[in-house]
Amino acid sequence: MQNFSIKDIENLTGIKAHTLRIWEKRYNLIVSKRKDSKHRYFDNEDLKTILRITYLYESEFKISQIAKLSKEAIISFAHIDHSNSKSIDAYILQLINALIEYDTENFQLIFKAGIKQFGFEKAMSELAYGLLRRIGLLWLNDHIIPAQEHFASNLIKNMLINAIEEIPKSTIQSTEEIILFTPKGEHHELPLLFANWLFKKNGRKTCYLGANISIDELAYCTKKRKIDYLFFHLIANLTGKNITDYTAGLLNEFPSQTIIVSGAQAKDIKINSPKLIKLKSLEELRSFPINFKILE
């Protein structure tokens, strides 16, 4: 059984701690437990109840209406599909609820419903990203075990791989090729897979190497294939090197290729070069394959 602070609940639900306290005091909806130190906390069952309440609230139920419902009614209403009024946040709340239970079937059903409502690109860039950002906050605080994050990541990863495989070969129009990889020590693969989907969907030819790739492995690939661009994504700098030094090393090692880098660390690269393209935000990454005229 996991314990969560009110700040954890705020991070997961998006509902401010002040609002949660009002719900508890005015409506007796959420009753926290107290440690010997008098600090309040919530357990797994509390979290599931709060997620259901917040989901209904995000689905345009008034909190005063929810307060009149029994626990059984709240559970029942939370299982009804409110697609007409469901927001990204409402989907995230349902996904977190499935995540707590390691409920693969429900997780997939909810995510696929999100894809149907928002489209694949928005579901990946906003729904998947929003979910992983929220659970990542708890993972950093040791309030969610890594297995739960891996559970969600792997299910989303499989959906991405399937979507990439479903892109018709006839879609690929460019003859120039892009290698996609993350540096040695960087194991976060979902953004890289998403970038691969974006490139291929927009007619770009890719060679997907995956995560945790060494310079030697890149060099071997560029000798075997005519590669024009090296694309890497970096979330957390776990390479053991300064990101500017690492990028400078790539530019030096691969003078015939253009380097494209995306991710939170891209803004920290202190290099300006015609052979370097920096995508500093998710929005830039999403629009880049569409507007990337150099490949023509």
C-alpha atoms as a PDB file:
ATOM      1  CA  MET A   1       0.000   0.000   0.000  1.00  0.00           C
ATOM      2  CA  GLN A   2       1.421   3.365  -1.059  1.00  0.00           C
ATOM      3  CA  ASN A   3       1.009   6.639   0.822  1.00  0.00           C
ATOM      4  CA  PHE A   4       0.558  10.007  -0.871  1.00  0.00           C
ATOM      5  CA  SER A   5       0.831  13.527   0.483  1.00  0.00           C
ATOM      6  CA  ILE A   6      -1.714  16.178  -0.451  1.00  0.00           C
ATOM      7  CA  LYS A   7       0.958  17.658  -2.756  1.00  0.00           C
ATOM      8  CA  ASP A   8       1.228  14.281  -4.514  1.00  0.00           C
ATOM      9  CA  ILE A   9      -2.546  14.270  -4.978  1.00  0.00           C
ATOM     10  CA  GLU A  10      -2.370  17.793  -6.391  1.00  0.00           C
ATOM     11  CA  ASN A  11       0.331  16.743  -8.882  1.00  0.00           C
ATOM     12  CA  LEU A  12      -1.640  13.696  -9.999  1.00  0.00           C
ATOM     13  CA  THR A  13      -5.095  15.246 -10.285  1.00  0.00           C
ATOM     14  CA  GLY A  14      -4.272  18.836 -11.184  1.00  0.00           C
ATOM     15  CA  ILE A  15      -6.622  19.987  -8.399  1.00  0.00           C
ATOM     16  CA  LYS A  16      -4.991  22.499  -6.062  1.00  0.00           C
ATOM     17  CA  ALA A  17      -4.343  21.389  -2.481  1.00  0.00           C
ATOM     18  CA  HIS A  18      -6.419  24.350  -1.252  1.00  0.00           C
ATOM     19  CA  THR A  19      -9.406  23.111  -3.311  1.00  0.00           C
ATOM     20  CA  LEU A  20      -8.951  19.549  -2.037  1.00  0.00           C
ATOM     21  CA  ARG A  21      -9.040  20.822   1.540  1.00  0.00           C
ATOM     22  CA  ILE A  22     -12.290  22.713   0.805  1.00  0.00           C
ATOM     23  CA  TRP A  23     -13.817  19.550  -0.644  1.00  0.00           C
ATOM     24  CA  GLU A  24     -12.840  17.711   2.522  1.00  0.00           C
ATOM     25  CA  LYS A  25     -14.041  20.354   4.941  1.00  0.00           C
ATOM     26  CA  ARG A  26     -17.223  21.512   3.192  1.00  0.00           C
ATOM     27  CA  TYR A  27     -18.445  18.294   1.587  1.00  0.00           C
ATOM     28  CA  ASN A  28     -16.660  15.597   3.577  1.00  0.00           C
ATOM     29  CA  LEU A  29     -15.757  14.059   0.206  1.00  0.00           C
ATOM     30  CA  ILE A  30     -12.147  13.262   0.899  1.00  0.00           C
ATOM     31  CA  VAL A  31     -11.058  12.420   4.418  1.00  0.00           C
ATOM     32  CA  SER A  32      -7.317  12.196   4.813  1.00  0.00           C
ATOM     33  CA  LYS A  33      -5.556  10.010   7.343  1.00  0.00           C
ATOM     34  CA  ARG A  34      -3.049  11.278   9.888  1.00  0.00           C
ATOM     35  CA  LYS A  35       0.370   9.959  10.764  1.00  0.00           C
ATOM     36  CA  ASP A  36       1.665  10.048  14.337  1.00  0.00           C
ATOM     37  CA  SER A  37       3.410  13.261  13.332  1.00  0.00           C
ATOM     38  CA  LYS A  38      -0.055  14.712  12.506  1.00  0.00           C
ATOM     39  CA  HIS A  39       0.878  15.025   8.817  1.00  0.00           C
ATOM     40  CA  ARG A  40      -2.023  14.063   6.567  1.00  0.00           C
ATOM     41  CA  TYR A  41      -1.686  11.357   3.932  1.00  0.00           C
ATOM     42  CA  PHE A  42      -3.794   9.305   1.519  1.00  0.00           C
ATOM     43  CA  ASP A  43      -3.504   5.640   0.588  1.00  0.00           C
ATOM     44  CA  ASN A  44      -4.241   3.811  -2.687  1.00  0.00           C
ATOM     45  CA  GLU A  45      -7.977   3.532  -2.024  1.00  0.00           C
ATOM     46  CA  ASP A  46      -8.168   7.229  -1.157  1.00  0.00           C
ATOM     47  CA  LEU A  47      -6.333   8.065  -4.374  1.00  0.00           C
ATOM     48  CA  LYS A  48      -8.738   6.000  -6.466  1.00  0.00           C
ATOM     49  CA  THR A  49     -11.712   7.761  -4.845  1.00  0.00           C
ATOM     50  CA  ILE A  50     -10.165  11.177  -5.468  1.00  0.00           C
ATOM     51  CA  LEU A  51      -9.392  10.271  -9.089  1.00  0.00           C
ATOM     52  CA  ARG A  52     -13.022   9.256  -9.655  1.00  0.00           C
ATOM     53  CA  ILE A  53     -14.321  12.451  -8.044  1.00  0.00           C
ATOM     54  CA  THR A  54     -11.904  14.584 -10.047  1.00  0.00           C
ATOM     55  CA  TYR A  55     -12.813  12.723 -13.244  1.00  0.00           C
ATOM     56  CA  LEU A  56     -16.489  13.500 -12.713  1.00  0.00           C
ATOM     57  CA  TYR A  57     -15.580  17.100 -11.883  1.00  0.00           C
ATOM     58  CA  GLU A  58     -13.538  17.337 -15.128  1.00  0.00           C
ATOM     59  CA  SER A  59     -16.556  15.823 -16.935  1.00  0.00           C
ATOM     60  CA  GLU A  60     -18.615  18.891 -15.910  1.00  0.00           C
ATOM     61  CA  PHE A  61     -20.313  17.497 -12.814  1.00  0.00           C
ATOM     62  CA  LYS A  62     -20.671  20.103 -10.067  1.00  0.00           C
ATOM     63  CA  ILE A  63     -18.838  19.221  -6.859  1.00  0.00           C
ATOM     64  CA  SER A  64     -22.090  19.753  -4.936  1.00  0.00           C
ATOM     65  CA  GLN A  65     -23.737  17.095  -7.134  1.00  0.00           C
ATOM     66  CA  ILE A  66     -20.881  14.651  -6.614  1.00  0.00           C
ATOM     67  CA  ALA A  67     -21.047  15.184  -2.837  1.00  0.00           C
ATOM     68  CA  LYS A  68     -24.625  13.856  -2.825  1.00  0.00           C
ATOM     69  CA  LEU A  69     -23.615  10.591  -4.515  1.00  0.00           C
ATOM     70  CA  SER A  70     -22.832   7.427  -2.607  1.00  0.00           C
ATOM     71  CA  LYS A  71     -19.447   5.799  -2.990  1.00  0.00           C
ATOM     72  CA  GLU A  72     -21.046   3.129  -5.196  1.00  0.00           C
ATOM     73  CA  ALA A  73     -22.714   5.766  -7.378  1.00  0.00           C
ATOM     74  CA  ILE A  74     -19.437   7.640  -7.804  1.00  0.00           C
ATOM     75  CA  ILE A  75     -17.784   4.408  -8.978  1.00  0.00           C
ATOM     76  CA  SER A  76     -20.682   3.718 -11.338  1.00  0.00           C
ATOM     77  CA  PHE A  77     -20.708   7.220 -12.853  1.00  0.00           C
ATOM     78  CA  ALA A  78     -16.916   7.177 -13.228  1.00  0.00           C
ATOM     79  CA  HIS A  79     -17.223   4.102 -15.460  1.00  0.00           C
ATOM     80  CA  ILE A  80     -19.704   5.788 -17.799  1.00  0.00           C
ATOM     81  CA  ASP A  81     -18.209   7.124 -21.024  1.00  0.00           C
ATOM     82  CA  HIS A  82     -18.480  10.920 -20.935  1.00  0.00           C
ATOM     83  CA  SER A  83     -16.702  11.337 -24.282  1.00  0.00           C
ATOM     84  CA  ASN A  84     -18.705  14.375 -25.323  1.00  0.00           C
ATOM     85  CA  SER A  85     -17.283  16.418 -22.467  1.00  0.00           C
ATOM     86  CA  LYS A  86     -14.079  14.526 -21.719  1.00  0.00           C
ATOM     87  CA  SER A  87     -10.894  16.589 -21.674  1.00  0.00           C
ATOM     88  CA  ILE A  88      -7.267  15.490 -21.860  1.00  0.00           C
ATOM     89  CA  ASP A  89      -7.121  15.832 -18.064  1.00  0.00           C
ATOM     90  CA  ALA A  90     -10.161  13.579 -17.649  1.00  0.00           C
ATOM     91  CA  TYR A  91      -8.497  10.874 -19.725  1.00  0.00           C
ATOM     92  CA  ILE A  92      -5.280  11.224 -17.715  1.00  0.00           C
ATOM     93  CA  LEU A  93      -7.210  10.707 -14.480  1.00  0.00           C
ATOM     94  CA  GLN A  94      -8.753   7.497 -15.809  1.00  0.00           C
ATOM     95  CA  LEU A  95      -5.384   6.261 -17.048  1.00  0.00           C
ATOM     96  CA  ILE A  96      -3.827   6.864 -13.622  1.00  0.00           C
ATOM     97  CA  ASN A  97      -6.649   4.874 -12.051  1.00  0.00           C
ATOM     98  CA  ALA A  98      -5.930   1.961 -14.424  1.00  0.00           C
ATOM     99  CA  LEU A  99      -2.217   2.352 -13.731  1.00  0.00           C
ATOM    100  CA  ILE A 100      -2.674   1.922  -9.979  1.00  0.00           C
ATOM    101  CA  GLU A 101      -4.378  -1.431 -10.615  1.00  0.00           C
ATOM    102  CA  TYR A 102      -1.959  -2.482 -13.399  1.00  0.00           C
ATOM    103  CA  ASP A 103      -5.112  -2.928 -15.493  1.00  0.00           C
ATOM    104  CA  THR A 104      -3.754  -3.456 -19.027  1.00  0.00           C
ATOM    105  CA  GLU A 105      -7.109  -3.904 -20.770  1.00  0.00           C
ATOM    106  CA  ASN A 106      -8.689  -0.813 -19.215  1.00  0.00           C
ATOM    107  CA  PHE A 107      -5.567   1.290 -19.812  1.00  0.00           C
ATOM    108  CA  GLN A 108      -5.577   0.360 -23.508  1.00  0.00           C
ATOM    109  CA  LEU A 109      -9.320   0.961 -23.883  1.00  0.00           C
ATOM    110  CA  ILE A 110      -9.053   4.426 -22.315  1.00  0.00           C
ATOM    111  CA  PHE A 111      -6.012   5.414 -24.371  1.00  0.00           C
ATOM    112  CA  LYS A 112      -7.581   4.180 -27.622  1.00  0.00           C
ATOM    113  CA  ALA A 113     -10.706   6.203 -26.794  1.00  0.00           C
ATOM    114  CA  GLY A 114      -8.418   9.222 -26.398  1.00  0.00           C
ATOM    115  CA  ILE A 115      -6.853   8.518 -29.800  1.00  0.00           C
ATOM    116  CA  LYS A 116     -10.314   8.316 -31.341  1.00  0.00           C
ATOM    117  CA  GLN A 117     -11.369  11.631 -29.809  1.00  0.00           C
ATOM    118  CA  PHE A 118      -8.204  13.693 -30.263  1.00  0.00           C
ATOM    119  CA  GLY A 119      -6.304  11.938 -33.059  1.00  0.00           C
ATOM    120  CA  PHE A 120      -3.099   9.951 -32.695  1.00  0.00           C
ATOM    121  CA  GLU A 121      -0.652  12.869 -32.686  1.00  0.00           C
ATOM    122  CA  LYS A 122      -2.452  14.864 -29.981  1.00  0.00           C
ATOM    123  CA  ALA A 123      -3.055  11.724 -27.915  1.00  0.00           C
ATOM    124  CA  MET A 124       0.674  11.005 -27.900  1.00  0.00           C
ATOM    125  CA  SER A 125       1.943  14.554 -27.459  1.00  0.00           C
ATOM    126  CA  GLU A 126      -0.607  15.688 -24.847  1.00  0.00           C
ATOM    127  CA  LEU A 127      -2.273  12.636 -23.319  1.00  0.00           C
ATOM    128  CA  ALA A 128       0.784  10.363 -23.066  1.00  0.00           C
ATOM    129  CA  TYR A 129       3.103  13.242 -22.192  1.00  0.00           C
ATOM    130  CA  GLY A 130       0.697  14.620 -19.581  1.00  0.00           C
ATOM    131  CA  LEU A 131       0.304  11.200 -17.958  1.00  0.00           C
ATOM    132  CA  LEU A 132       4.041  10.460 -17.811  1.00  0.00           C
ATOM    133  CA  ARG A 133       4.824  13.959 -16.544  1.00  0.00           C
ATOM    134  CA  ARG A 134       2.392  13.520 -13.638  1.00  0.00           C
ATOM    135  CA  ILE A 135       3.517  10.054 -12.609  1.00  0.00           C
ATOM    136  CA  GLY A 136       7.133  11.108 -13.118  1.00  0.00           C
ATOM    137  CA  LEU A 137       6.722  13.745 -10.413  1.00  0.00           C
ATOM    138  CA  LEU A 138       5.792  11.006  -7.955  1.00  0.00           C
ATOM    139  CA  TRP A 139       8.530   8.679  -9.176  1.00  0.00           C
ATOM    140  CA  LEU A 140      11.099  11.377  -8.407  1.00  0.00           C
ATOM    141  CA  ASN A 141       9.698  11.590  -4.866  1.00  0.00           C
ATOM    142  CA  ASP A 142       9.664   7.781  -4.428  1.00  0.00           C
ATOM    143  CA  HIS A 143       5.876   7.852  -4.073  1.00  0.00           C
ATOM    144  CA  ILE A 144       5.265   5.702  -7.126  1.00  0.00           C
ATOM    145  CA  ILE A 145       7.324   2.641  -7.860  1.00  0.00           C
ATOM    146  CA  PRO A 146       9.252   2.542 -11.169  1.00  0.00           C
ATOM    147  CA  ALA A 147       7.321  -0.577 -12.230  1.00  0.00           C
ATOM    148  CA  GLN A 148       4.150   1.531 -12.549  1.00  0.00           C
ATOM    149  CA  GLU A 149       5.879   4.033 -14.819  1.00  0.00           C
ATOM    150  CA  HIS A 150       7.353   1.172 -16.875  1.00  0.00           C
ATOM    151  CA  PHE A 151       3.900  -0.401 -17.093  1.00  0.00           C
ATOM    152  CA  ALA A 152       2.427   2.756 -18.645  1.00  0.00           C
ATOM    153  CA  SER A 153       5.467   3.460 -20.830  1.00  0.00           C
ATOM    154  CA  ASN A 154       5.537  -0.028 -22.319  1.00  0.00           C
ATOM    155  CA  LEU A 155       1.834   0.000 -23.179  1.00  0.00           C
ATOM    156  CA  ILE A 156       2.204   3.385 -24.902  1.00  0.00           C
ATOM    157  CA  LYS A 157       5.408   2.187 -26.574  1.00  0.00           C
ATOM    158  CA  ASN A 158       3.573  -0.779 -28.103  1.00  0.00           C
ATOM    159  CA  MET A 159       0.871   1.534 -29.477  1.00  0.00           C
ATOM    160  CA  LEU A 160       3.530   3.735 -31.063  1.00  0.00           C
ATOM    161  CA  ILE A 161       5.331   0.789 -32.627  1.00  0.00           C
ATOM    162  CA  ASN A 162       2.049  -0.517 -34.066  1.00  0.00           C
ATOM    163  CA  ALA A 163       1.212   2.930 -35.466  1.00  0.00           C
ATOM    164  CA  ILE A 164       4.652   3.203 -37.099  1.00  0.00           C
ATOM    165  CA  GLU A 165       4.270  -0.226 -38.683  1.00  0.00           C
ATOM    166  CA  GLU A 166       0.860   0.759 -40.064  1.00  0.00           C
ATOM    167  CA  ILE A 167       2.277   3.705 -42.064  1.00  0.00           C
ATOM    168  CA  PRO A 168       2.180   2.625 -45.739  1.00  0.00           C
ATOM    169  CA  LYS A 169       5.567   2.330 -47.431  1.00  0.00           C
ATOM    170  CA  SER A 170       4.214   4.491 -50.230  1.00  0.00           C
ATOM    171  CA  THR A 171       4.096   7.395 -47.740  1.00  0.00           C
ATOM    172  CA  ILE A 172       7.909   7.637 -47.722  1.00  0.00           C
ATOM    173  CA  GLN A 173       8.860  10.087 -50.486  1.00  0.00           C
ATOM    174  CA  SER A 174      12.267  11.406 -49.403  1.00  0.00           C
ATOM    175  CA  THR A 175      15.441   9.634 -50.538  1.00  0.00           C
ATOM    176  CA  GLU A 176      17.595  11.179 -47.815  1.00  0.00           C
ATOM    177  CA  GLU A 177      17.805   9.231 -44.574  1.00  0.00           C
ATOM    178  CA  ILE A 178      17.690  10.153 -40.882  1.00  0.00           C
ATOM    179  CA  ILE A 179      19.159   8.024 -38.073  1.00  0.00           C
ATOM    180  CA  LEU A 180      17.171   8.251 -34.844  1.00  0.00           C
ATOM    181  CA  PHE A 181      18.826   7.401 -31.520  1.00  0.00           C
ATOM    182  CA  THR A 182      19.383   8.454 -27.927  1.00  0.00           C
ATOM    183  CA  PRO A 183      22.942   8.786 -26.571  1.00  0.00           C
ATOM    184  CA  LYS A 184      24.601   6.176 -24.413  1.00  0.00           C
ATOM    185  CA  GLY A 185      23.049   6.379 -20.950  1.00  0.00           C
ATOM    186  CA  GLU A 186      19.705   7.830 -22.132  1.00  0.00           C
ATOM    187  CA  HIS A 187      17.058   5.090 -21.967  1.00  0.00           C
ATOM    188  CA  HIS A 188      13.872   7.145 -22.481  1.00  0.00           C
ATOM    189  CA  GLU A 189      12.620   5.889 -25.838  1.00  0.00           C
ATOM    190  CA  LEU A 190       9.037   7.133 -26.138  1.00  0.00           C
ATOM    191  CA  PRO A 191       9.903  10.611 -27.495  1.00  0.00           C
ATOM    192  CA  LEU A 192      12.246   9.004 -30.025  1.00  0.00           C
ATOM    193  CA  LEU A 193       9.526   6.617 -31.212  1.00  0.00           C
ATOM    194  CA  PHE A 194       7.115   9.545 -31.464  1.00  0.00           C
ATOM    195  CA  ALA A 195       9.680  11.448 -33.560  1.00  0.00           C
ATOM    196  CA  ASN A 196      10.068   8.390 -35.796  1.00  0.00           C
ATOM    197  CA  TRP A 197       6.289   8.288 -36.294  1.00  0.00           C
ATOM    198  CA  LEU A 198       6.235  12.014 -37.102  1.00  0.00           C
ATOM    199  CA  PHE A 199       9.041  11.719 -39.661  1.00  0.00           C
ATOM    200  CA  LYS A 200       7.610   8.643 -41.391  1.00  0.00           C
ATOM    201  CA  LYS A 201       4.059  10.031 -41.366  1.00  0.00           C
ATOM    202  CA  ASN A 202       5.405  13.076 -43.207  1.00  0.00           C
ATOM    203  CA  GLY A 203       7.233  11.060 -45.844  1.00  0.00           C
ATOM    204  CA  ARG A 204      10.731  11.000 -44.359  1.00  0.00           C
ATOM    205  CA  LYS A 205      13.018   7.989 -44.620  1.00  0.00           C
ATOM    206  CA  THR A 206      14.351   6.883 -41.223  1.00  0.00           C
ATOM    207  CA  CYS A 207      16.786   4.378 -39.768  1.00  0.00           C
ATOM    208  CA  TYR A 208      15.687   3.725 -36.204  1.00  0.00           C
ATOM    209  CA  LEU A 209      18.537   2.625 -33.919  1.00  0.00           C
ATOM    210  CA  GLY A 210      16.736   3.166 -30.599  1.00  0.00           C
ATOM    211  CA  ALA A 211      17.961   4.110 -27.138  1.00  0.00           C
ATOM    212  CA  ASN A 212      21.377   3.962 -25.466  1.00  0.00           C
ATOM    213  CA  ILE A 213      23.487   4.101 -28.646  1.00  0.00           C
ATOM    214  CA  SER A 214      27.261   4.648 -28.605  1.00  0.00           C
ATOM    215  CA  ILE A 215      29.294   6.794 -30.999  1.00  0.00           C
ATOM    216  CA  ASP A 216      30.926   3.637 -32.369  1.00  0.00           C
ATOM    217  CA  GLU A 217      27.523   2.156 -33.194  1.00  0.00           C
ATOM    218  CA  LEU A 218      26.547   5.357 -35.000  1.00  0.00           C
ATOM    219  CA  ALA A 219      29.814   5.374 -36.936  1.00  0.00           C
ATOM    220  CA  TYR A 220      29.320   1.766 -38.023  1.00  0.00           C
ATOM    221  CA  CYS A 221      25.797   2.536 -39.278  1.00  0.00           C
ATOM    222  CA  THR A 222      26.864   5.623 -41.255  1.00  0.00           C
ATOM    223  CA  LYS A 223      29.532   3.535 -43.003  1.00  0.00           C
ATOM    224  CA  LYS A 224      26.976   0.913 -44.016  1.00  0.00           C
ATOM    225  CA  ARG A 225      24.276   3.352 -45.180  1.00  0.00           C
ATOM    226  CA  LYS A 226      24.160   6.761 -46.806  1.00  0.00           C
ATOM    227  CA  ILE A 227      22.963   8.793 -43.832  1.00  0.00           C
ATOM    228  CA  ASP A 228      22.227  12.499 -44.189  1.00  0.00           C
ATOM    229  CA  TYR A 229      20.946  13.411 -40.714  1.00  0.00           C
ATOM    230  CA  LEU A 230      21.514  12.237 -37.149  1.00  0.00           C
ATOM    231  CA  PHE A 231      18.551  12.865 -34.849  1.00  0.00           C
ATOM    232  CA  PHE A 232      18.808  12.363 -31.109  1.00  0.00           C
ATOM    233  CA  HIS A 233      16.490  13.135 -28.222  1.00  0.00           C
ATOM    234  CA  LEU A 234      17.598  13.797 -24.666  1.00  0.00           C
ATOM    235  CA  ILE A 235      15.338  14.065 -21.606  1.00  0.00           C
ATOM    236  CA  ALA A 236      17.685  13.625 -18.649  1.00  0.00           C
ATOM    237  CA  ASN A 237      21.385  14.133 -19.176  1.00  0.00           C
ATOM    238  CA  LEU A 238      22.577  10.700 -18.053  1.00  0.00           C
ATOM    239  CA  THR A 239      25.343  10.496 -20.651  1.00  0.00           C
ATOM    240  CA  GLY A 240      27.979  11.561 -18.136  1.00  0.00           C
ATOM    241  CA  LYS A 241      29.019  14.375 -20.476  1.00  0.00           C
ATOM    242  CA  ASN A 242      28.230  18.029 -20.910  1.00  0.00           C
ATOM    243  CA  ILE A 243      25.530  18.260 -23.591  1.00  0.00           C
ATOM    244  CA  THR A 244      27.452  20.930 -25.496  1.00  0.00           C
ATOM    245  CA  ASP A 245      30.600  18.787 -25.471  1.00  0.00           C
ATOM    246  CA  TYR A 246      28.638  15.740 -26.601  1.00  0.00           C
ATOM    247  CA  THR A 247      27.068  17.645 -29.500  1.00  0.00           C
ATOM    248  CA  ALA A 248      30.440  19.127 -30.466  1.00  0.00           C
ATOM    249  CA  GLY A 249      31.830  15.597 -30.547  1.00  0.00           C
ATOM    250  CA  LEU A 250      29.059  14.491 -32.912  1.00  0.00           C
ATOM    251  CA  LEU A 251      29.684  17.436 -35.225  1.00  0.00           C
ATOM    252  CA  ASN A 252      33.380  16.583 -35.280  1.00  0.00           C
ATOM    253  CA  GLU A 253      32.850  12.819 -35.737  1.00  0.00           C
ATOM    254  CA  PHE A 254      30.187  13.174 -38.435  1.00  0.00           C
ATOM    255  CA  PRO A 255      31.104  16.229 -40.565  1.00  0.00           C
ATOM    256  CA  SER A 256      29.071  14.983 -43.550  1.00  0.00           C
ATOM    257  CA  GLN A 257      25.801  14.777 -41.613  1.00  0.00           C
ATOM    258  CA  THR A 258      23.534  17.408 -40.093  1.00  0.00           C
ATOM    259  CA  ILE A 259      22.789  16.902 -36.393  1.00  0.00           C
ATOM    260  CA  ILE A 260      19.199  17.378 -35.183  1.00  0.00           C
ATOM    261  CA  VAL A 261      18.610  17.406 -31.434  1.00  0.00           C
ATOM    262  CA  SER A 262      15.334  17.667 -29.516  1.00  0.00           C
ATOM    263  CA  GLY A 263      14.350  17.503 -25.875  1.00  0.00           C
ATOM    264  CA  ALA A 264      14.598  19.560 -22.715  1.00  0.00           C
ATOM    265  CA  GLN A 265      18.391  19.633 -22.901  1.00  0.00           C
ATOM    266  CA  ALA A 266      18.524  21.122 -26.421  1.00  0.00           C
ATOM    267  CA  LYS A 267      18.272  24.677 -25.122  1.00  0.00           C
ATOM    268  CA  ASP A 268      21.494  24.185 -23.133  1.00  0.00           C
ATOM    269  CA  ILE A 269      23.667  23.469 -26.188  1.00  0.00           C
ATOM    270  CA  LYS A 270      26.057  26.400 -26.592  1.00  0.00           C
ATOM    271  CA  ILE A 271      26.797  25.827 -30.266  1.00  0.00           C
ATOM    272  CA  ASN A 272      25.592  27.639 -33.376  1.00  0.00           C
ATOM    273  CA  SER A 273      26.370  25.798 -36.582  1.00  0.00           C
ATOM    274  CA  PRO A 274      24.710  25.346 -39.982  1.00  0.00           C
ATOM    275  CA  LYS A 275      25.149  21.612 -39.364  1.00  0.00           C
ATOM    276  CA  LEU A 276      23.115  21.725 -36.124  1.00  0.00           C
ATOM    277  CA  ILE A 277      19.331  22.038 -35.711  1.00  0.00           C
ATOM    278  CA  LYS A 278      17.942  22.434 -32.169  1.00  0.00           C
ATOM    279  CA  LEU A 279      14.305  21.677 -31.402  1.00  0.00           C
ATOM    280  CA  LYS A 280      13.709  23.139 -27.967  1.00  0.00           C
ATOM    281  CA  SER A 281      10.070  22.247 -27.332  1.00  0.00           C
ATOM    282  CA  LEU A 282       7.455  19.609 -28.018  1.00  0.00           C
ATOM    283  CA  GLU A 283       5.699  22.040 -30.348  1.00  0.00           C
ATOM    284  CA  GLU A 284       8.873  22.501 -32.412  1.00  0.00           C
ATOM    285  CA  LEU A 285       9.316  18.733 -32.625  1.00  0.00           C
ATOM    286  CA  ARG A 286       5.720  18.260 -33.799  1.00  0.00           C
ATOM    287  CA  SER A 287       5.941  20.895 -36.538  1.00  0.00           C
ATOM    288  CA  PHE A 288       9.505  20.154 -37.664  1.00  0.00           C
ATOM    289  CA  PRO A 289       8.901  17.083 -39.927  1.00  0.00           C
ATOM    290  CA  ILE A 290       6.150  19.003 -41.751  1.00  0.00           C
ATOM    291  CA  ASN A 291       8.243  22.148 -42.323  1.00  0.00           C
ATOM    292  CA  PHE A 292      11.597  20.417 -42.831  1.00  0.00           C
ATOM    293  CA  LYS A 293      12.382  21.590 -46.380  1.00  0.00           C
ATOM    294  CA  ILE A 294      16.114  20.711 -46.321  1.00  0.00           C
ATOM    295  CA  LEU A 295      15.260  17.088 -47.100  1.00  0.00           C
ATOM    296  CA  GLU A 296      13.732  17.911 -50.485  1.00  0.00           C
END
